[in-house]
């Protein structure tokens, strides 16, 4: 049981590569949950888990830096369009990309990414509702990105727990779709507060919705005033070139500001 969010781990965590031969491969299925005599003391255990996670996250940053790679932690609620956005990015962005897919079950998203022509590793968390730095480390080893790559982690669809866990990412990106309504930043502020960039997806549907782009932007700005904001449509392509340019600047070693997109 995860003390930080209450998710169970009985189903186990599985790391799977998806190869061009059409078969899945499981390079590492270990999952370490050390016994802690203070387990009942929830707050103390939360601090210990997060401190351990932060330590592992720094190891991930060192590992990535040695390979001149950057890591983007892509987070959202389920159904926001993360996988569709990645499919279009793979097809159109002139970048060396690798993807780590996080889902509780199935290889569906990893198979979509592999079909789009991108190296991918699937991490299934079982009953877990987020990825952590240890899972990410195992995913990175399995992915083995080539030097200079942009590695995108498509985190488990959840607007709560993923915000707590540093994966060793270079940047945090949150996608919210117009179909979710304008109130998500206010209801789930922790997710948006930590974002370097917020992508507002499915803007092509705004004419059919009782919500405006201004409402969404206002609520994002209320909790994350310095985060970058990009309205996009992953299906129609609107705004996607700005997203590609953001990734290109991130991959450039001369860019090191916290919020490279305005």
Protein backbone atom coordinates (compact mmCIF):
# COMPACT_ATOMS: atom_id res chain seq x y z
CA UNK A 1 0.00 0.00 0.00
CA UNK A 2 1.38 3.41 -0.98
CA UNK A 3 1.27 5.63 2.11
CA UNK A 4 1.38 8.86 0.11
CA UNK A 5 -1.82 8.26 -1.83
CA UNK A 6 -3.35 5.00 -0.62
CA UNK A 7 -2.96 3.09 -3.88
CA UNK A 8 -2.25 -0.61 -3.62
CA UNK A 9 0.65 -2.46 -5.19
CA UNK A 10 -0.70 -6.02 -4.98
CA UNK A 11 -0.88 -6.33 -8.76
CA UNK A 12 2.80 -5.42 -9.09
CA UNK A 13 4.67 -3.13 -11.40
CA UNK A 14 5.71 -4.42 -14.84
CA UNK A 15 8.14 -2.75 -17.23
CA UNK A 16 7.69 -3.91 -20.83
CA UNK A 17 9.40 -2.97 -24.07
CA UNK A 18 7.45 -3.14 -27.32
CA UNK A 19 9.65 -4.25 -30.20
CA UNK A 20 9.28 -4.18 -33.96
CA UNK A 21 8.80 -7.95 -33.90
CA UNK A 22 5.37 -7.32 -32.41
CA UNK A 23 6.22 -9.09 -29.16
CA UNK A 24 6.47 -7.59 -25.70
CA UNK A 25 9.58 -8.01 -23.56
CA UNK A 26 9.90 -7.59 -19.81
CA UNK A 27 13.47 -6.58 -18.87
CA UNK A 28 12.89 -5.80 -15.21
CA UNK A 29 9.86 -6.54 -13.04
CA UNK A 30 11.34 -6.00 -9.60
CA UNK A 31 9.49 -3.74 -7.16
CA UNK A 32 11.16 -2.78 -3.92
CA UNK A 33 9.00 -1.87 -0.94
CA UNK A 34 11.29 -2.09 2.12
CA UNK A 35 9.71 -3.07 5.41
CA UNK A 36 9.34 -0.06 7.68
CA UNK A 37 8.52 -0.48 11.40
CA UNK A 38 6.95 2.99 11.39
CA UNK A 39 4.50 2.11 8.61
CA UNK A 40 1.49 3.09 10.72
CA UNK A 41 2.85 6.60 11.16
CA UNK A 42 1.53 7.87 7.87
CA UNK A 43 3.04 11.34 7.84
CA UNK A 44 6.52 10.07 8.74
CA UNK A 45 6.29 7.35 6.12
CA UNK A 46 5.13 9.82 3.49
CA UNK A 47 8.18 11.95 4.21
CA UNK A 48 10.46 8.93 3.96
CA UNK A 49 8.92 7.74 0.71
CA UNK A 50 9.12 11.16 -0.89
CA UNK A 51 12.69 11.71 0.36
CA UNK A 52 13.76 8.35 -1.08
CA UNK A 53 11.97 9.17 -4.31
CA UNK A 54 13.69 12.57 -4.55
CA UNK A 55 17.07 10.91 -4.04
CA UNK A 56 16.37 8.45 -6.88
CA UNK A 57 15.10 11.31 -9.04
CA UNK A 58 18.46 13.05 -8.74
CA UNK A 59 20.14 9.84 -9.86
CA UNK A 60 17.86 9.87 -12.91
CA UNK A 61 18.91 13.44 -13.70
CA UNK A 62 22.56 12.47 -13.47
CA UNK A 63 21.96 9.46 -15.71
CA UNK A 64 20.15 11.60 -18.29
CA UNK A 65 22.74 14.39 -18.19
CA UNK A 66 25.51 11.90 -18.90
CA UNK A 67 23.67 11.04 -22.10
CA UNK A 68 22.76 14.65 -22.96
CA UNK A 69 19.08 13.68 -22.73
CA UNK A 70 16.14 15.63 -21.30
CA UNK A 71 13.06 14.18 -19.64
CA UNK A 72 9.55 15.62 -19.93
CA UNK A 73 6.96 14.46 -17.39
CA UNK A 74 3.63 14.67 -19.25
CA UNK A 75 0.66 14.57 -16.88
CA UNK A 76 -3.11 14.94 -17.17
CA UNK A 77 -6.48 13.48 -16.34
CA UNK A 78 -7.54 10.40 -18.34
CA UNK A 79 -8.78 11.20 -21.83
CA UNK A 80 -7.08 14.58 -22.22
CA UNK A 81 -5.28 13.48 -25.40
CA UNK A 82 -1.74 12.72 -24.21
CA UNK A 83 -1.20 9.76 -26.53
CA UNK A 84 -2.74 11.51 -29.53
CA UNK A 85 -0.50 14.51 -28.88
CA UNK A 86 2.55 12.24 -28.77
CA UNK A 87 1.57 10.44 -31.97
CA UNK A 88 1.40 13.72 -33.85
CA UNK A 89 4.62 14.95 -32.23
CA UNK A 90 6.44 11.80 -33.34
CA UNK A 91 5.20 12.27 -36.90
CA UNK A 92 5.92 15.99 -37.24
CA UNK A 93 8.61 17.15 -34.80
CA UNK A 94 12.22 16.98 -35.98
CA UNK A 95 13.53 15.58 -32.71
CA UNK A 96 15.01 12.29 -31.49
CA UNK A 97 12.24 11.08 -29.20
CA UNK A 98 11.71 8.21 -26.79
CA UNK A 99 8.59 7.50 -24.74
CA UNK A 100 7.89 5.82 -21.42
CA UNK A 101 4.19 4.96 -21.15
CA UNK A 102 2.54 4.71 -17.73
CA UNK A 103 -0.79 2.93 -17.30
CA UNK A 104 -2.28 0.61 -14.74
CA UNK A 105 -2.85 -2.10 -17.34
CA UNK A 106 -2.56 -2.99 -21.07
CA UNK A 107 0.01 -2.21 -23.76
CA UNK A 108 -2.48 -0.23 -25.84
CA UNK A 109 -0.77 3.16 -25.66
CA UNK A 110 2.72 1.72 -26.07
CA UNK A 111 1.58 -0.11 -29.19
CA UNK A 112 0.21 3.15 -30.59
CA UNK A 113 3.52 4.92 -29.93
CA UNK A 114 5.53 2.05 -31.42
CA UNK A 115 3.30 2.06 -34.51
CA UNK A 116 4.01 5.80 -34.87
CA UNK A 117 7.70 4.92 -35.18
CA UNK A 118 9.10 5.83 -31.75
CA UNK A 119 11.07 3.73 -29.24
CA UNK A 120 8.79 3.04 -26.28
CA UNK A 121 8.66 1.22 -22.97
CA UNK A 122 5.39 0.46 -21.18
CA UNK A 123 5.23 0.58 -17.39
CA UNK A 124 2.09 -1.01 -15.94
CA UNK A 125 1.58 0.02 -12.33
CA UNK A 126 -1.10 -2.51 -11.42
CA UNK A 127 -3.23 -0.85 -8.74
CA UNK A 128 -0.79 2.08 -8.50
CA UNK A 129 -2.01 5.48 -9.64
CA UNK A 130 1.30 7.16 -10.54
CA UNK A 131 4.85 6.60 -11.67
CA UNK A 132 7.76 7.23 -9.32
CA UNK A 133 11.48 7.76 -9.76
CA UNK A 134 12.34 4.08 -9.32
CA UNK A 135 9.87 2.98 -12.01
CA UNK A 136 11.20 5.71 -14.27
CA UNK A 137 14.78 4.57 -13.71
CA UNK A 138 13.87 1.05 -14.78
CA UNK A 139 12.01 2.44 -17.76
CA UNK A 140 15.01 4.53 -18.80
CA UNK A 141 17.32 1.54 -18.61
CA UNK A 142 14.94 -0.51 -20.73
CA UNK A 143 14.44 2.32 -23.23
CA UNK A 144 18.17 3.10 -23.44
CA UNK A 145 17.62 6.42 -25.28
CA UNK A 146 20.27 7.50 -27.72
CA UNK A 147 22.35 10.56 -26.76
CA UNK A 148 20.56 13.86 -27.28
CA UNK A 149 17.07 12.37 -27.05
CA UNK A 150 13.98 13.99 -25.61
CA UNK A 151 12.35 11.32 -23.43
CA UNK A 152 8.67 11.90 -22.71
CA UNK A 153 7.04 10.10 -19.80
CA UNK A 154 3.31 9.76 -20.35
CA UNK A 155 2.33 9.48 -16.71
CA UNK A 156 -0.69 7.59 -15.42
CA UNK A 157 -3.88 9.59 -16.04
CA UNK A 158 -4.51 11.23 -12.66
CA UNK A 159 -4.57 14.86 -11.52
CA UNK A 160 -3.55 14.14 -7.92
CA UNK A 161 -0.74 11.70 -7.07
CA UNK A 162 1.61 12.17 -10.06
CA UNK A 163 2.13 15.78 -8.95
CA UNK A 164 3.81 14.56 -5.74
CA UNK A 165 6.52 12.45 -7.36
CA UNK A 166 9.65 13.87 -8.96
CA UNK A 167 10.77 11.48 -11.72
CA UNK A 168 14.01 13.29 -12.45
CA UNK A 169 12.31 15.30 -15.17
CA UNK A 170 13.76 18.38 -16.83
CA UNK A 171 10.29 19.90 -17.26
CA UNK A 172 6.73 19.16 -16.14
CA UNK A 173 3.98 19.55 -18.72
CA UNK A 174 0.28 19.32 -17.89
CA UNK A 175 -2.38 18.77 -20.53
CA UNK A 176 -5.95 19.76 -19.82
CA UNK A 177 -8.63 19.43 -22.45
CA UNK A 178 -11.42 21.89 -23.10
CA UNK A 179 -13.92 19.06 -22.58
CA UNK A 180 -12.91 18.82 -18.91
CA UNK A 181 -14.42 22.23 -18.20
CA UNK A 182 -12.65 25.33 -16.88
CA UNK A 183 -12.45 24.43 -13.20
CA UNK A 184 -9.75 21.71 -13.11
CA UNK A 185 -6.87 24.08 -12.17
CA UNK A 186 -8.92 25.31 -9.20
CA UNK A 187 -9.93 21.82 -8.08
CA UNK A 188 -6.47 20.28 -8.54
CA UNK A 189 -4.07 23.19 -7.97
CA UNK A 190 -1.03 21.11 -6.96
CA UNK A 191 -0.82 19.60 -10.43
CA UNK A 192 -0.83 23.00 -12.13
CA UNK A 193 1.35 24.84 -9.59
CA UNK A 194 4.29 22.61 -10.48
CA UNK A 195 3.85 22.82 -14.25
CA UNK A 196 6.38 24.54 -16.48
CA UNK A 197 3.94 24.39 -19.40
CA UNK A 198 0.18 23.83 -19.65
CA UNK A 199 -1.18 22.59 -22.96
CA UNK A 200 -4.88 23.34 -23.43
CA UNK A 201 -5.92 20.58 -25.82
CA UNK A 202 -9.01 20.06 -28.01
CA UNK A 203 -9.47 23.76 -28.72
CA UNK A 204 -11.15 22.71 -31.97
CA UNK A 205 -14.13 21.60 -29.85
CA UNK A 206 -14.66 24.98 -28.15
CA UNK A 207 -17.50 26.02 -30.53
CA UNK A 208 -19.46 23.00 -29.30
CA UNK A 209 -18.84 23.50 -25.57
CA UNK A 210 -20.23 25.74 -22.85
CA UNK A 211 -16.71 26.95 -21.98
CA UNK A 212 -14.37 29.58 -23.33
CA UNK A 213 -10.60 29.61 -23.70
CA UNK A 214 -10.47 32.78 -21.59
CA UNK A 215 -12.15 30.97 -18.68
CA UNK A 216 -9.60 28.18 -18.79
CA UNK A 217 -6.65 30.56 -19.08
CA UNK A 218 -7.92 32.69 -16.18
CA UNK A 219 -8.16 29.65 -13.90
CA UNK A 220 -4.74 28.33 -14.89
CA UNK A 221 -3.22 31.75 -14.24
CA UNK A 222 -4.94 31.91 -10.83
CA UNK A 223 -2.87 28.97 -9.56
CA UNK A 224 0.14 28.94 -11.92
CA UNK A 225 0.81 32.54 -12.98
CA UNK A 226 4.26 31.87 -14.46
CA UNK A 227 3.58 28.61 -16.32
CA UNK A 228 3.73 28.65 -20.09
CA UNK A 229 0.37 28.28 -21.85
CA UNK A 230 -0.25 26.81 -25.30
CA UNK A 231 -3.71 26.18 -26.80
CA UNK A 232 -3.47 23.16 -29.13
CA UNK A 233 -5.48 20.61 -31.04
CA UNK A 234 -3.69 17.27 -31.27
CA UNK A 235 -6.21 16.04 -33.86
CA UNK A 236 -6.38 19.13 -36.11
CA UNK A 237 -2.81 20.38 -35.58
CA UNK A 238 -3.66 23.85 -34.27
CA UNK A 239 -0.84 25.28 -32.14
CA UNK A 240 1.28 22.13 -32.44
CA UNK A 241 4.22 23.88 -34.11
CA UNK A 242 4.60 26.02 -30.97
CA UNK A 243 4.75 22.83 -28.92
CA UNK A 244 7.47 21.43 -31.20
CA UNK A 245 9.47 24.65 -30.89
CA UNK A 246 9.17 24.42 -27.11
CA UNK A 247 10.61 20.91 -27.20
CA UNK A 248 13.39 22.00 -29.55
CA UNK A 249 14.39 24.83 -27.19
CA UNK A 250 14.30 22.44 -24.26
CA UNK A 251 16.61 20.04 -26.08
CA UNK A 252 19.06 22.83 -26.80
CA UNK A 253 21.85 22.97 -24.17
CA UNK A 254 21.79 26.79 -24.16
CA UNK A 255 18.23 26.94 -22.83
CA UNK A 256 18.10 26.73 -19.05
CA UNK A 257 15.34 29.02 -17.88
CA UNK A 258 12.50 27.62 -15.79
CA UNK A 259 9.62 28.70 -18.02
CA UNK A 260 10.82 28.74 -21.66
CA UNK A 261 7.32 29.19 -23.10
CA UNK A 262 5.29 32.30 -22.36
